[in-house]
C-alpha atoms as a PDB file:
ATOM      1  CA  UNK A   1       6.519  10.305 -15.276  1.00  0.00           C
ATOM      2  CA  UNK A   2       8.181   8.956 -12.041  1.00  0.00           C
ATOM      3  CA  UNK A   3       7.203   5.521 -10.584  1.00  0.00           C
ATOM      4  CA  UNK A   4       6.300   5.465  -6.985  1.00  0.00           C
ATOM      5  CA  UNK A   5       6.131   2.803  -4.262  1.00  0.00           C
ATOM      6  CA  UNK A   6       3.620   3.610  -1.507  1.00  0.00           C
ATOM      7  CA  UNK A   7       2.714   1.908   1.643  1.00  0.00           C
ATOM      8  CA  UNK A   8      -0.735   2.387   3.089  1.00  0.00           C
ATOM      9  CA  UNK A   9      -2.710   1.392   6.289  1.00  0.00           C
ATOM     10  CA  UNK A  10      -5.993   2.426   6.485  1.00  0.00           C
ATOM     11  CA  UNK A  11      -7.406   2.262  10.163  1.00  0.00           C
ATOM     12  CA  UNK A  12     -11.048   3.280  10.763  1.00  0.00           C
ATOM     13  CA  UNK A  13     -11.806   4.247  14.537  1.00  0.00           C
ATOM     14  CA  UNK A  14     -15.060   4.899  16.236  1.00  0.00           C
ATOM     15  CA  UNK A  15     -16.950   1.916  14.535  1.00  0.00           C
ATOM     16  CA  UNK A  16     -19.455  -0.252  16.362  1.00  0.00           C
ATOM     17  CA  UNK A  17     -17.232  -3.380  16.268  1.00  0.00           C
ATOM     18  CA  UNK A  18     -13.725  -3.964  17.141  1.00  0.00           C
ATOM     19  CA  UNK A  19     -12.984  -5.625  13.810  1.00  0.00           C
ATOM     20  CA  UNK A  20     -11.838  -3.467  11.110  1.00  0.00           C
ATOM     21  CA  UNK A  21     -11.720  -6.097   8.326  1.00  0.00           C
ATOM     22  CA  UNK A  22     -15.075  -4.939   6.533  1.00  0.00           C
ATOM     23  CA  UNK A  23     -13.647  -1.402   6.346  1.00  0.00           C
ATOM     24  CA  UNK A  24     -10.275  -2.741   5.140  1.00  0.00           C
ATOM     25  CA  UNK A  25     -12.024  -4.898   2.504  1.00  0.00           C
ATOM     26  CA  UNK A  26     -13.932  -1.778   1.157  1.00  0.00           C
ATOM     27  CA  UNK A  27     -10.341  -0.258   0.767  1.00  0.00           C
ATOM     28  CA  UNK A  28      -8.999  -3.286  -1.055  1.00  0.00           C
ATOM     29  CA  UNK A  29     -12.098  -3.298  -3.263  1.00  0.00           C
ATOM     30  CA  UNK A  30     -11.199   0.569  -4.052  1.00  0.00           C
ATOM     31  CA  UNK A  31      -7.723  -0.455  -4.888  1.00  0.00           C
ATOM     32  CA  UNK A  32      -8.787  -3.590  -7.061  1.00  0.00           C
ATOM     33  CA  UNK A  33     -10.914  -1.152  -8.964  1.00  0.00           C
ATOM     34  CA  UNK A  34      -8.379   1.164  -9.604  1.00  0.00           C
ATOM     35  CA  UNK A  35      -6.003  -1.567 -10.563  1.00  0.00           C
ATOM     36  CA  UNK A  36      -8.689  -2.854 -13.151  1.00  0.00           C
ATOM     37  CA  UNK A  37      -8.978   0.882 -14.717  1.00  0.00           C
ATOM     38  CA  UNK A  38      -5.124   1.121 -14.704  1.00  0.00           C
ATOM     39  CA  UNK A  39      -2.988  -2.224 -15.502  1.00  0.00           C
ATOM     40  CA  UNK A  40       0.351  -0.247 -14.720  1.00  0.00           C
ATOM     41  CA  UNK A  41      -0.495  -0.463 -10.849  1.00  0.00           C
ATOM     42  CA  UNK A  42       0.761  -3.244  -9.044  1.00  0.00           C
ATOM     43  CA  UNK A  43       0.101  -3.908  -5.326  1.00  0.00           C
ATOM     44  CA  UNK A  44       0.673  -6.534  -2.538  1.00  0.00           C
ATOM     45  CA  UNK A  45      -1.543  -7.019   0.327  1.00  0.00           C
ATOM     46  CA  UNK A  46       0.477  -7.363   3.722  1.00  0.00           C
ATOM     47  CA  UNK A  47      -0.644  -8.331   7.098  1.00  0.00           C
ATOM     48  CA  UNK A  48      -0.893  -4.635   8.495  1.00  0.00           C
ATOM     49  CA  UNK A  49      -0.689  -2.442   5.176  1.00  0.00           C
ATOM     50  CA  UNK A  50      -0.671  -2.543   1.510  1.00  0.00           C
ATOM     51  CA  UNK A  51       1.959  -1.879  -0.904  1.00  0.00           C
ATOM     52  CA  UNK A  52       1.258  -0.003  -4.205  1.00  0.00           C
ATOM     53  CA  UNK A  53       3.688   0.598  -7.255  1.00  0.00           C
ATOM     54  CA  UNK A  54       2.902   2.687 -10.325  1.00  0.00           C
ATOM     55  CA  UNK A  55       3.227   6.209 -11.864  1.00  0.00           C
ATOM     56  CA  UNK A  56       2.892   8.910  -9.074  1.00  0.00           C
ATOM     57  CA  UNK A  57      -0.502  10.230 -10.257  1.00  0.00           C
ATOM     58  CA  UNK A  58      -2.153   6.836 -10.355  1.00  0.00           C
ATOM     59  CA  UNK A  59      -0.834   5.686  -6.872  1.00  0.00           C
ATOM     60  CA  UNK A  60      -1.632   9.092  -5.066  1.00  0.00           C
ATOM     61  CA  UNK A  61      -5.117   9.031  -6.707  1.00  0.00           C
ATOM     62  CA  UNK A  62      -5.498   5.234  -5.610  1.00  0.00           C
ATOM     63  CA  UNK A  63      -4.555   6.191  -2.126  1.00  0.00           C
ATOM     64  CA  UNK A  64      -7.149   8.749  -1.946  1.00  0.00           C
ATOM     65  CA  UNK A  65      -9.748   6.250  -2.921  1.00  0.00           C
ATOM     66  CA  UNK A  66      -8.526   3.823  -0.393  1.00  0.00           C
ATOM     67  CA  UNK A  67      -8.790   6.244   2.336  1.00  0.00           C
ATOM     68  CA  UNK A  68     -12.395   7.274   1.429  1.00  0.00           C
ATOM     69  CA  UNK A  69     -13.402   3.908   1.122  1.00  0.00           C
ATOM     70  CA  UNK A  70     -14.226   3.500   5.070  1.00  0.00           C
ATOM     71  CA  UNK A  71     -16.291   6.436   5.172  1.00  0.00           C
ATOM     72  CA  UNK A  72     -18.415   4.945   2.445  1.00  0.00           C
ATOM     73  CA  UNK A  73     -18.976   2.049   4.768  1.00  0.00           C
ATOM     74  CA  UNK A  74     -20.194   4.012   7.743  1.00  0.00           C
ATOM     75  CA  UNK A  75     -16.757   4.974   9.413  1.00  0.00           C
ATOM     76  CA  UNK A  76     -16.816   8.036  11.335  1.00  0.00           C
ATOM     77  CA  UNK A  77     -13.307   8.645  11.483  1.00  0.00           C
ATOM     78  CA  UNK A  78     -10.445   7.163   9.397  1.00  0.00           C
ATOM     79  CA  UNK A  79      -6.467   7.558  10.300  1.00  0.00           C
ATOM     80  CA  UNK A  80      -4.388   6.659   7.290  1.00  0.00           C
ATOM     81  CA  UNK A  81      -0.625   6.256   7.356  1.00  0.00           C
ATOM     82  CA  UNK A  82       1.133   6.578   4.244  1.00  0.00           C
ATOM     83  CA  UNK A  83       4.872   6.124   3.324  1.00  0.00           C
ATOM     84  CA  UNK A  84       6.320   7.223  -0.115  1.00  0.00           C
ATOM     85  CA  UNK A  85       9.518   5.859  -1.656  1.00  0.00           C
ATOM     86  CA  UNK A  86      10.286   7.759  -5.084  1.00  0.00           C
ATOM     87  CA  UNK A  87      13.720   7.460  -6.654  1.00  0.00           C
ATOM     88  CA  UNK A  88      14.635   9.749  -9.519  1.00  0.00           C
ATOM     89  CA  UNK A  89      18.166   8.540 -10.119  1.00  0.00           C
ATOM     90  CA  UNK A  90      17.131   4.952 -11.134  1.00  0.00           C
ATOM     91  CA  UNK A  91      14.294   2.774 -11.787  1.00  0.00           C
ATOM     92  CA  UNK A  92      13.035   0.796  -8.668  1.00  0.00           C
ATOM     93  CA  UNK A  93      10.339  -1.623  -7.893  1.00  0.00           C
ATOM     94  CA  UNK A  94       8.685  -3.555  -4.955  1.00  0.00           C
ATOM     95  CA  UNK A  95      10.447  -6.771  -6.404  1.00  0.00           C
ATOM     96  CA  UNK A  96      13.698  -4.986  -6.543  1.00  0.00           C
ATOM     97  CA  UNK A  97      13.603  -3.984  -2.982  1.00  0.00           C
ATOM     98  CA  UNK A  98      12.813  -7.579  -1.671  1.00  0.00           C
ATOM     99  CA  UNK A  99      15.369  -9.192  -4.119  1.00  0.00           C
ATOM    100  CA  UNK A 100      18.182  -6.897  -2.834  1.00  0.00           C
ATOM    101  CA  UNK A 101      17.427  -7.952   0.887  1.00  0.00           C
ATOM    102  CA  UNK A 102      17.266 -11.539   0.237  1.00  0.00           C
ATOM    103  CA  UNK A 103      20.462 -11.457  -1.798  1.00  0.00           C
ATOM    104  CA  UNK A 104      22.206  -9.624   1.013  1.00  0.00           C
ATOM    105  CA  UNK A 105      20.578 -12.266   3.449  1.00  0.00           C
ATOM    106  CA  UNK A 106      22.042 -15.259   1.419  1.00  0.00           C
ATOM    107  CA  UNK A 107      25.588 -13.738   1.743  1.00  0.00           C
ATOM    108  CA  UNK A 108      25.370 -12.570   5.348  1.00  0.00           C
ATOM    109  CA  UNK A 109      26.301 -15.208   7.908  1.00  0.00           C
ATOM    110  CA  UNK A 110      26.245 -12.654  10.764  1.00  0.00           C
ATOM    111  CA  UNK A 111      24.832 -13.841  14.059  1.00  0.00           C
ATOM    112  CA  UNK A 112      21.325 -12.726  15.189  1.00  0.00           C
ATOM    113  CA  UNK A 113      21.130 -10.857  18.700  1.00  0.00           C
END
């Protein structure tokens, strides 16, 4: 099986309040439940999205659960943006992606702007 890194942003619209936090919490609870059921999943909550890493089938199932969660909280419409990163030529991970950029930043002395 192939490991997949996915970024997901769940945006409920048409809600009674301008804040989305209750709906986002529902999506994150669905994620935590999936992680508890499958310890191979890893995730990182970011300010505007969540990154998930794991076996392809497990990640895709988790994305579906997260998309569905705001509906269960009363949202009438949900727009979910998903980005998938899958390499078949070598192993990759969220940590590896970040480490490579940090290493290159440490070496780079280019000016900004």
